[in-house]
Protein backbone atom coordinates (compact mmCIF):
# COMPACT_ATOMS: atom_id res chain seq x y z
CA UNK A 1 -0.16 0.09 0.25
CA UNK A 2 0.78 3.77 -0.18
CA UNK A 3 1.86 6.20 2.42
CA UNK A 4 -2.40 7.12 2.66
CA UNK A 5 -3.17 3.89 2.88
CA UNK A 6 -1.05 3.16 6.04
CA UNK A 7 -4.03 4.09 7.96
CA UNK A 8 -6.80 3.07 5.83
CA UNK A 9 -5.77 0.32 3.49
CA UNK A 10 -6.73 -3.61 2.67
CA UNK A 11 -4.04 -6.35 3.71
CA UNK A 12 -5.27 -9.59 2.43
CA UNK A 13 -5.29 -12.59 1.43
CA UNK A 14 -3.33 -15.95 -0.38
CA UNK A 15 -5.58 -18.45 0.53
CA UNK A 16 -3.80 -21.74 1.75
CA UNK A 17 -4.48 -25.49 0.04
CA UNK A 18 -7.97 -26.59 0.92
CA UNK A 19 -9.54 -30.16 1.49
CA UNK A 20 -13.46 -30.07 -0.40
CA UNK A 21 -16.16 -30.12 2.34
CA UNK A 22 -20.44 -29.94 1.42
CA UNK A 23 -21.66 -26.29 1.13
CA UNK A 24 -24.75 -25.21 3.25
CA UNK A 25 -27.41 -23.33 3.37
CA UNK A 26 -27.62 -20.15 5.17
CA UNK A 27 -30.28 -17.54 4.46
CA UNK A 28 -31.10 -13.77 6.91
CA UNK A 29 -32.87 -13.51 9.50
CA UNK A 30 -36.22 -11.31 9.66
CA UNK A 31 -37.93 -9.63 12.39
CA UNK A 32 -41.21 -10.77 13.17
CA UNK A 33 -44.36 -9.17 11.66
CA UNK A 34 -47.61 -8.10 13.26
CA UNK A 35 -48.85 -10.95 14.22
CA UNK A 36 -45.83 -14.08 14.64
CA UNK A 37 -44.24 -14.71 17.76
CA UNK A 38 -41.45 -15.78 16.66
CA UNK A 39 -38.85 -16.32 13.48
CA UNK A 40 -36.53 -19.22 13.57
CA UNK A 41 -33.90 -20.36 11.24
CA UNK A 42 -32.61 -23.63 11.63
CA UNK A 43 -29.44 -24.47 9.79
CA UNK A 44 -27.57 -27.81 9.24
CA UNK A 45 -24.09 -26.33 9.04
CA UNK A 46 -22.49 -29.81 8.53
CA UNK A 47 -23.62 -33.38 8.13
CA UNK A 48 -21.70 -36.64 7.60
CA UNK A 49 -22.16 -39.83 8.24
CA UNK A 50 -24.56 -40.70 10.82
CA UNK A 51 -24.10 -36.86 12.19
CA UNK A 52 -24.14 -33.34 11.59
CA UNK A 53 -23.86 -29.69 13.10
CA UNK A 54 -27.13 -27.42 13.32
CA UNK A 55 -27.48 -23.90 14.26
CA UNK A 56 -30.74 -22.35 15.44
CA UNK A 57 -31.72 -18.39 15.78
CA UNK A 58 -34.58 -17.28 17.37
CA UNK A 59 -35.95 -13.79 16.58
CA UNK A 60 -38.68 -12.51 19.12
CA UNK A 61 -41.39 -10.21 18.72
CA UNK A 62 -41.80 -9.41 22.05
CA UNK A 63 -39.61 -9.35 25.13
CA UNK A 64 -39.00 -13.03 26.96
CA UNK A 65 -37.42 -13.41 30.60
CA UNK A 66 -35.71 -16.91 31.07
CA UNK A 67 -36.80 -17.83 27.37
CA UNK A 68 -36.92 -21.69 26.35
CA UNK A 69 -36.72 -22.86 22.90
CA UNK A 70 -38.61 -26.21 21.66
CA UNK A 71 -38.97 -28.55 18.74
CA UNK A 72 -39.97 -31.99 18.35
CA UNK A 73 -37.61 -34.27 15.48
CA UNK A 74 -39.59 -35.71 12.63
CA UNK A 75 -37.31 -39.05 11.67
CA UNK A 76 -35.31 -39.61 15.17
CA UNK A 77 -32.69 -37.47 15.28
CA UNK A 78 -30.86 -36.85 18.46
CA UNK A 79 -28.58 -34.26 20.13
CA UNK A 80 -25.42 -34.86 21.74
CA UNK A 81 -22.90 -31.85 21.88
CA UNK A 82 -24.41 -28.21 22.46
CA UNK A 83 -23.71 -24.88 23.51
CA UNK A 84 -24.49 -21.23 24.00
CA UNK A 85 -28.09 -23.00 25.80
CA UNK A 86 -29.10 -26.23 27.85
CA UNK A 87 -30.40 -28.46 25.20
CA UNK A 88 -32.35 -31.82 27.08
CA UNK A 89 -34.16 -34.09 24.86
CA UNK A 90 -37.18 -36.53 25.65
CA UNK A 91 -37.87 -38.81 23.13
CA UNK A 92 -38.69 -36.54 20.06
CA UNK A 93 -38.99 -33.90 22.19
CA UNK A 94 -35.87 -31.08 22.80
CA UNK A 95 -36.22 -27.79 24.82
CA UNK A 96 -33.18 -25.39 25.20
CA UNK A 97 -33.43 -23.60 27.53
CA UNK A 98 -31.24 -19.87 28.25
CA UNK A 99 -28.00 -19.98 29.83
CA UNK A 100 -27.65 -18.56 33.15
CA UNK A 101 -25.18 -15.07 31.42
CA UNK A 102 -27.91 -14.47 29.00
CA UNK A 103 -31.30 -15.41 29.90
CA UNK A 104 -33.47 -11.98 28.28
CA UNK A 105 -34.61 -11.66 25.18
CA UNK A 106 -35.45 -7.76 24.09
CA UNK A 107 -38.31 -7.36 22.03
CA UNK A 108 -36.67 -7.59 18.17
CA UNK A 109 -33.87 -9.85 19.71
CA UNK A 110 -32.48 -12.63 18.72
CA UNK A 111 -31.81 -16.20 20.22
CA UNK A 112 -29.14 -18.69 18.58
CA UNK A 113 -27.47 -21.72 19.92
CA UNK A 114 -25.45 -24.44 18.00
CA UNK A 115 -25.26 -28.87 18.43
CA UNK A 116 -24.22 -31.59 17.29
CA UNK A 117 -26.62 -34.47 16.52
CA UNK A 118 -26.97 -38.30 15.33
CA UNK A 119 -29.25 -39.30 12.29
CA UNK A 120 -30.10 -42.39 10.53
CA UNK A 121 -31.59 -42.55 6.73
CA UNK A 122 -33.19 -38.96 6.62
CA UNK A 123 -32.46 -35.58 8.50
CA UNK A 124 -35.42 -33.79 7.80
CA UNK A 125 -35.65 -29.53 9.39
CA UNK A 126 -38.05 -29.76 12.37
CA UNK A 127 -41.37 -27.71 11.21
CA UNK A 128 -42.89 -26.98 14.93
CA UNK A 129 -40.18 -24.65 16.39
CA UNK A 130 -41.84 -22.54 19.63
CA UNK A 131 -40.12 -20.23 21.63
CA UNK A 132 -41.72 -20.04 25.21
CA UNK A 133 -44.73 -21.78 23.75
CA UNK A 134 -45.54 -19.98 20.95
CA UNK A 135 -45.19 -21.25 17.41
CA UNK A 136 -42.02 -19.42 15.35
CA UNK A 137 -42.65 -19.36 11.43
CA UNK A 138 -39.55 -19.32 9.15
CA UNK A 139 -38.14 -15.52 8.24
CA UNK A 140 -39.85 -16.12 4.71
CA UNK A 141 -43.50 -16.45 6.13
CA UNK A 142 -42.89 -13.47 8.12
CA UNK A 143 -41.53 -11.04 5.55
CA UNK A 144 -43.73 -8.68 3.27
CA UNK A 145 -43.08 -7.15 -0.53
CA UNK A 146 -40.81 -7.98 -2.52
CA UNK A 147 -36.82 -8.86 -2.66
CA UNK A 148 -34.77 -6.79 -5.26
CA UNK A 149 -31.52 -8.32 -6.08
CA UNK A 150 -28.34 -5.91 -4.87
CA UNK A 151 -27.77 -4.68 -8.36
CA UNK A 152 -31.12 -2.63 -8.17
CA UNK A 153 -33.53 -4.88 -10.69
CA UNK A 154 -35.66 -8.40 -10.29
CA UNK A 155 -33.61 -11.06 -8.22
CA UNK A 156 -31.67 -13.36 -10.80
CA UNK A 157 -34.16 -16.16 -11.78
CA UNK A 158 -34.68 -18.90 -9.40
CA UNK A 159 -32.72 -16.56 -6.49
CA UNK A 160 -34.43 -17.18 -3.15
CA UNK A 161 -32.43 -13.70 -2.10
CA UNK A 162 -29.83 -16.17 0.39
CA UNK A 163 -25.97 -15.39 0.59
CA UNK A 164 -24.00 -18.79 -0.34
CA UNK A 165 -22.07 -20.12 2.16
CA UNK A 166 -18.56 -21.80 1.20
CA UNK A 167 -17.40 -24.68 3.86
CA UNK A 168 -14.16 -25.15 1.86
CA UNK A 169 -12.34 -22.07 3.52
CA UNK A 170 -9.85 -22.15 6.89
CA UNK A 171 -12.36 -20.70 9.10
CA UNK A 172 -15.05 -24.07 8.67
CA UNK A 173 -12.10 -26.76 8.99
CA UNK A 174 -10.49 -24.75 12.17
CA UNK A 175 -14.91 -25.19 13.43
CA UNK A 176 -14.62 -28.93 12.45
CA UNK A 177 -11.15 -28.85 14.29
CA UNK A 178 -12.13 -27.35 17.89
CA UNK A 179 -13.97 -28.36 20.83
CA UNK A 180 -15.86 -26.82 23.37
CA UNK A 181 -16.18 -22.69 23.77
CA UNK A 182 -13.13 -22.76 20.98
CA UNK A 183 -16.06 -24.56 18.61
CA UNK A 184 -18.92 -22.52 19.36
CA UNK A 185 -16.98 -19.33 18.65
CA UNK A 186 -15.59 -20.33 15.41
CA UNK A 187 -18.72 -21.64 14.59
CA UNK A 188 -20.50 -17.74 14.46
CA UNK A 189 -17.33 -17.45 12.07
CA UNK A 190 -17.51 -20.88 9.82
CA UNK A 191 -21.17 -20.80 9.22
CA UNK A 192 -21.12 -17.00 8.20
CA UNK A 193 -21.20 -16.45 4.09
CA UNK A 194 -17.85 -14.77 3.43
CA UNK A 195 -15.82 -13.66 -0.15
CA UNK A 196 -14.33 -16.37 -2.18
CA UNK A 197 -11.36 -14.64 -3.22
CA UNK A 198 -9.63 -15.36 -6.26
CA UNK A 199 -6.32 -13.79 -7.35
CA UNK A 200 -2.99 -14.38 -8.81
CA UNK A 201 -2.18 -17.24 -6.83
CA UNK A 202 -3.95 -19.31 -9.38
CA UNK A 203 -3.52 -19.32 -12.44
CA UNK A 204 -5.91 -18.85 -14.52
CA UNK A 205 -7.96 -21.99 -15.39
CA UNK A 206 -7.93 -23.39 -11.72
CA UNK A 207 -8.45 -19.62 -10.54
CA UNK A 208 -11.87 -20.35 -13.25
CA UNK A 209 -12.50 -23.44 -12.23
CA UNK A 210 -13.12 -22.34 -8.49
CA UNK A 211 -15.04 -19.58 -9.54
CA UNK A 212 -17.03 -22.44 -11.55
CA UNK A 213 -17.32 -24.64 -8.29
CA UNK A 214 -18.64 -21.75 -6.30
CA UNK A 215 -20.94 -20.04 -8.61
CA UNK A 216 -22.86 -23.31 -9.92
CA UNK A 217 -23.27 -24.54 -6.45
CA UNK A 218 -24.90 -21.44 -5.15
CA UNK A 219 -27.02 -21.31 -8.38
CA UNK A 220 -27.96 -24.67 -7.74
CA UNK A 221 -29.35 -23.34 -3.94
CA UNK A 222 -31.02 -20.56 -5.53
CA UNK A 223 -28.50 -18.28 -3.27
CA UNK A 224 -25.97 -15.79 -4.25
CA UNK A 225 -22.00 -16.50 -4.34
CA UNK A 226 -19.84 -13.64 -3.38
CA UNK A 227 -16.57 -13.29 -4.90
CA UNK A 228 -13.52 -11.37 -4.70
CA UNK A 229 -11.27 -10.91 -7.83
CA UNK A 230 -8.09 -9.36 -6.71
CA UNK A 231 -5.10 -9.82 -9.38
CA UNK A 232 -4.54 -6.26 -10.85
CA UNK A 233 -0.75 -5.48 -11.82
CA UNK A 234 1.22 -3.89 -8.86
CA UNK A 235 -0.91 -5.02 -6.37
CA UNK A 236 -1.07 -3.83 -3.10
CA UNK A 237 1.91 -1.69 -3.84
CA UNK A 238 4.55 -3.77 -2.81
CA UNK A 239 3.20 -4.60 0.60
CA UNK A 240 2.52 -7.62 1.99
CA UNK A 241 -0.27 -8.64 -0.39
CA UNK A 242 1.85 -7.62 -2.81
CA UNK A 243 1.53 -9.57 -6.40
CA UNK A 244 -0.73 -9.48 -9.70
CA UNK A 245 -1.07 -11.11 -12.84
CA UNK A 246 1.46 -9.71 -15.35
CA UNK A 247 0.21 -6.05 -17.29
CA UNK A 248 0.49 -8.01 -20.49
CA UNK A 249 -1.93 -10.75 -19.18
CA UNK A 250 -4.82 -9.38 -17.35
CA UNK A 251 -6.74 -8.78 -19.15
CA UNK A 252 -7.04 -12.31 -20.51
CA UNK A 253 -6.35 -13.88 -17.04
CA UNK A 254 -9.96 -11.99 -16.36
CA UNK A 255 -11.38 -13.31 -19.04
CA UNK A 256 -11.22 -16.97 -18.54
CA UNK A 257 -11.85 -16.38 -14.43
CA UNK A 258 -15.24 -14.64 -16.25
CA UNK A 259 -15.75 -17.75 -18.22
CA UNK A 260 -16.40 -19.89 -14.74
CA UNK A 261 -19.39 -17.61 -14.03
CA UNK A 262 -22.46 -19.38 -13.46
CA UNK A 263 -25.17 -17.37 -12.59
CA UNK A 264 -25.06 -13.85 -11.39
CA UNK A 265 -22.51 -13.69 -8.28
CA UNK A 266 -21.66 -10.15 -6.92
CA UNK A 267 -18.31 -9.85 -7.57
CA UNK A 268 -16.39 -6.99 -5.41
CA UNK A 269 -13.30 -6.19 -8.03
CA UNK A 270 -10.09 -5.56 -7.18
CA UNK A 271 -9.59 -4.24 -3.56
CA UNK A 272 -7.20 -1.03 -2.94
CA UNK A 273 -6.62 -1.03 -6.65
CA UNK A 274 -9.13 2.58 -7.14
CA UNK A 275 -7.99 3.70 -4.10
CA UNK A 276 -4.29 3.47 -4.35
CA UNK A 277 -4.40 4.74 -8.12
CA UNK A 278 -0.69 6.75 -8.77
CA UNK A 279 0.67 5.90 -5.00
CA UNK A 280 3.20 3.46 -6.82
CA UNK A 281 4.99 2.62 -9.69
CA UNK A 282 4.54 -0.37 -11.73
CA UNK A 283 0.53 0.15 -11.99
CA UNK A 284 0.35 0.05 -15.57
CA UNK A 285 -2.75 1.91 -17.56
CA UNK A 286 -4.95 0.60 -14.45
CA UNK A 287 -7.95 2.45 -15.45
CA UNK A 288 -8.32 0.89 -18.40
CA UNK A 289 -7.45 -2.80 -16.48
CA UNK A 290 -10.68 -2.14 -14.13
CA UNK A 291 -12.56 -0.33 -16.96
CA UNK A 292 -12.25 -3.90 -18.95
CA UNK A 293 -12.44 -6.41 -15.87
CA UNK A 294 -15.60 -4.60 -15.18
CA UNK A 295 -17.09 -4.98 -18.78
CA UNK A 296 -15.44 -8.45 -18.98
CA UNK A 297 -17.39 -9.84 -15.81
CA UNK A 298 -20.48 -7.95 -16.23
CA UNK A 299 -20.75 -9.80 -19.61
CA UNK A 300 -20.59 -12.79 -17.74
CA UNK A 301 -23.32 -11.89 -16.10
CA UNK A 302 -21.77 -10.98 -12.78
CA UNK A 303 -22.80 -8.10 -10.72
CA UNK A 304 -19.40 -6.09 -10.42
CA UNK A 305 -19.04 -3.84 -7.67
CA UNK A 306 -15.28 -2.13 -8.09
CA UNK A 307 -13.62 -1.45 -4.52
CA UNK A 308 -13.43 1.99 -3.79
CA UNK A 309 -11.71 1.65 -0.28
CA UNK A 310 -12.88 3.02 2.92
CA UNK A 311 -13.73 6.33 4.53
CA UNK A 312 -10.90 6.96 6.35
CA UNK A 313 -8.89 7.08 3.28
CA UNK A 314 -10.21 9.85 -0.02
CA UNK A 315 -13.09 12.39 0.48
CA UNK A 316 -15.98 11.85 -1.16
CA UNK A 317 -15.81 13.85 -3.83
CA UNK A 318 -12.43 12.36 -4.98
CA UNK A 319 -13.90 8.66 -4.54
CA UNK A 320 -16.69 9.29 -7.17
CA UNK A 321 -14.21 10.99 -9.34
CA UNK A 322 -11.84 7.98 -9.41
CA UNK A 323 -14.96 5.96 -9.92
CA UNK A 324 -15.96 8.12 -12.86
CA UNK A 325 -12.16 7.64 -14.64
CA UNK A 326 -13.12 4.09 -14.70
CA UNK A 327 -17.14 4.41 -15.70
CA UNK A 328 -20.48 2.72 -14.52
CA UNK A 329 -22.04 1.65 -17.46
CA UNK A 330 -20.93 -2.06 -16.21
CA UNK A 331 -21.03 -1.44 -12.16
CA UNK A 332 -23.63 -2.58 -10.44
CA UNK A 333 -22.02 -0.41 -7.73
CA UNK A 334 -19.02 -0.08 -5.37
CA UNK A 335 -17.66 -1.73 -2.51
CA UNK A 336 -16.69 -0.06 0.73
CA UNK A 337 -14.41 -0.97 3.91
CA UNK A 338 -13.11 -4.18 2.56
CA UNK A 339 -10.78 -6.14 5.12
CA UNK A 340 -11.05 -2.97 7.44
CA UNK A 341 -12.20 -1.92 10.77
CA UNK A 342 -14.35 1.19 9.90
CA UNK A 343 -18.49 0.97 11.54
CA UNK A 344 -21.08 -0.07 9.82
CA UNK A 345 -22.63 3.79 10.18
CA UNK A 346 -19.31 5.47 9.17
CA UNK A 347 -19.48 3.53 5.94
CA UNK A 348 -22.46 3.87 5.39
CA UNK A 349 -22.97 7.65 5.60
CA UNK A 350 -19.40 7.83 3.63
CA UNK A 351 -21.48 5.50 1.15
CA UNK A 352 -24.16 7.93 0.30
CA UNK A 353 -22.26 10.84 -0.08
CA UNK A 354 -19.96 9.34 -2.75
CA UNK A 355 -23.84 7.29 -4.23
CA UNK A 356 -24.99 11.12 -4.54
CA UNK A 357 -21.75 12.68 -6.03
CA UNK A 358 -21.72 8.90 -8.61
CA UNK A 359 -25.06 9.80 -10.09
CA UNK A 360 -27.03 7.39 -7.59
CA UNK A 361 -24.86 4.28 -7.50
CA UNK A 362 -25.27 1.63 -5.44
CA UNK A 363 -23.07 0.24 -2.66
CA UNK A 364 -22.39 -2.47 -0.47
CA UNK A 365 -20.11 -3.06 2.94
CA UNK A 366 -17.95 -5.30 4.43
CA UNK A 367 -18.88 -5.23 8.12
CA UNK A 368 -16.73 -8.34 8.48
CA UNK A 369 -14.61 -7.18 11.46
CA UNK A 370 -15.83 -3.58 12.16
CA UNK A 371 -18.32 -4.50 15.14
CA UNK A 372 -15.62 -2.32 17.58
CA UNK A 373 -15.38 -0.01 15.12
CA UNK A 374 -11.28 1.19 14.05
CA UNK A 375 -8.56 1.79 16.30
CA UNK A 376 -6.90 3.88 13.10
CA UNK A 377 -4.92 0.47 12.71
CA UNK A 378 -5.62 -1.46 9.12
CA UNK A 379 -3.18 -4.23 9.87
CA UNK A 380 -4.13 -7.14 12.45
CA UNK A 381 -5.29 -4.24 14.67
CA UNK A 382 -6.25 -6.44 18.70
CA UNK A 383 -9.73 -5.91 20.54
CA UNK A 384 -11.82 -6.25 17.02
CA UNK A 385 -14.92 -7.92 16.64
CA UNK A 386 -17.36 -9.64 14.42
CA UNK A 387 -19.27 -7.41 12.71
CA UNK A 388 -23.12 -7.70 11.91
CA UNK A 389 -23.98 -10.81 9.54
CA UNK A 390 -24.04 -10.46 5.90
CA UNK A 391 -27.34 -9.61 4.44
CA UNK A 392 -29.23 -8.07 1.17
CA UNK A 393 -30.76 -4.91 1.56
CA UNK A 394 -33.69 -3.34 0.57
CA UNK A 395 -34.43 -0.08 2.27
CA UNK A 396 -34.64 2.97 0.15
CA UNK A 397 -31.17 3.73 0.25
CA UNK A 398 -27.97 3.26 -2.20
CA UNK A 399 -27.27 0.44 0.18
CA UNK A 400 -27.26 -2.77 -1.96
CA UNK A 401 -25.78 -5.28 0.90
CA UNK A 402 -24.07 -5.73 4.23
CA UNK A 403 -21.12 -8.38 3.48
CA UNK A 404 -18.12 -10.47 4.55
CA UNK A 405 -15.90 -9.85 2.01
CA UNK A 406 -12.76 -10.49 4.40
CA UNK A 407 -12.44 -14.03 5.92
CA UNK A 408 -12.02 -13.08 9.97
CA UNK A 409 -9.49 -14.82 11.60
CA UNK A 410 -7.49 -14.31 8.67
CA UNK A 411 -4.47 -12.47 9.18
CA UNK A 412 -3.74 -8.90 7.06
CA UNK A 413 -0.01 -9.74 7.09
CA UNK A 414 3.10 -9.77 8.94
CA UNK A 415 2.54 -7.14 11.57
CA UNK A 416 1.26 -6.68 14.81
CA UNK A 417 2.60 -10.70 15.42
CA UNK A 418 0.42 -11.72 12.53
CA UNK A 419 1.50 -14.52 10.46
CA UNK A 420 1.97 -13.87 6.37
CA UNK A 421 -1.62 -12.20 4.64
CA UNK A 422 -4.17 -14.32 4.38
CA UNK A 423 -2.68 -17.41 7.01
CA UNK A 424 -5.14 -18.68 9.39
CA UNK A 425 -4.16 -16.55 13.37
CA UNK A 426 -6.63 -18.97 15.26
CA UNK A 427 -6.53 -16.46 18.55
CA UNK A 428 -7.55 -13.39 16.42
CA UNK A 429 -10.37 -15.38 14.71
CA UNK A 430 -11.61 -16.39 18.52
CA UNK A 431 -11.22 -12.68 19.82
CA UNK A 432 -12.99 -11.18 17.18
CA UNK A 433 -15.92 -13.37 17.91
CA UNK A 434 -15.92 -13.38 21.68
CA UNK A 435 -16.15 -9.24 21.11
CA UNK A 436 -19.05 -10.35 18.66
CA UNK A 437 -22.10 -8.33 20.14
CA UNK A 438 -24.82 -11.44 18.27
């Protein structure tokens, strides 16, 4: 990064080799509407022969003291380990009591707990979850109105509005290997949809194959994959995430990656590239690279969000000017706060200002690690927290989505005691999960 980025930039993310595990489904929690006591998400977070993991999240319409959630397993499943609540099973009936450290549930608030269980034959989801005896409904049944996708038009054909979870991740493997309270904390990261980064650490055919696998899996589930393209020549101005594809190969690399796109994924295009424009040598014709990449990815069906830095980097007018240099014809919008820690409130206000100066362009915000805001450092600051969970947004503002673009627990680089950029740092992952407000 250039000097300006020392308090405001991004360091990310050369992923380590991964093993394949089946993807799972997550949806966003919706507040109950009038007449519904609560909404419930019962999510199978992982499955293996004879066993499974699950997370239950209940959102209440009214306050509850010493809450209790219950359901009946429909196919003989049994609970084994559990965390964040006390689960007792009697026959097919399961009762989850509030933990001593969190007995009360505010109106509009949510409770969430996880467990591992056993199954034989089939593992259907219970359909009779109650909160203190009152029946809960799925989020879809509690929502009203239509859903638009993040590009501001009708959802992709078959899409349900959910974000796709990639279980082929360092966080997921760390969770699977953990036990006890560490497992409960890491589950918060591992079972939350995050961006899949593709970059110059993979040759083009390998990157395209990863993109195809992710976007096809998402499309098959009617969900939206989030991809991050990170291979611009002169990447990160030679700092922690230095690298990138050679200038004469970049356009072809993007074409091959774009050829792997299935459906209409969200693509965050080149973190830091626009904000670092002109900060160092070796960038080539960066504006043209970005413009052509956006055009190629958009033509392949992607909804492209050009990374535009964060609220502490350039003022809104300058960021809008830089976006205009690239052009907006092939953009769904711009992305903010990728791999940074600025609060959602600050990022939204800044995004609205940039949007107003850029003709109403939409934007997305990375909330993955901003739960405690920024202390002025960008590279592995301690004491941070997971931010708001990702979701698509349709509230009349220019904000299209809150996303987890950066993977919490992956290092920003060899600074503040961290390993190389993109490597898993368990202590920091646990710290951020422990500090989360949810």
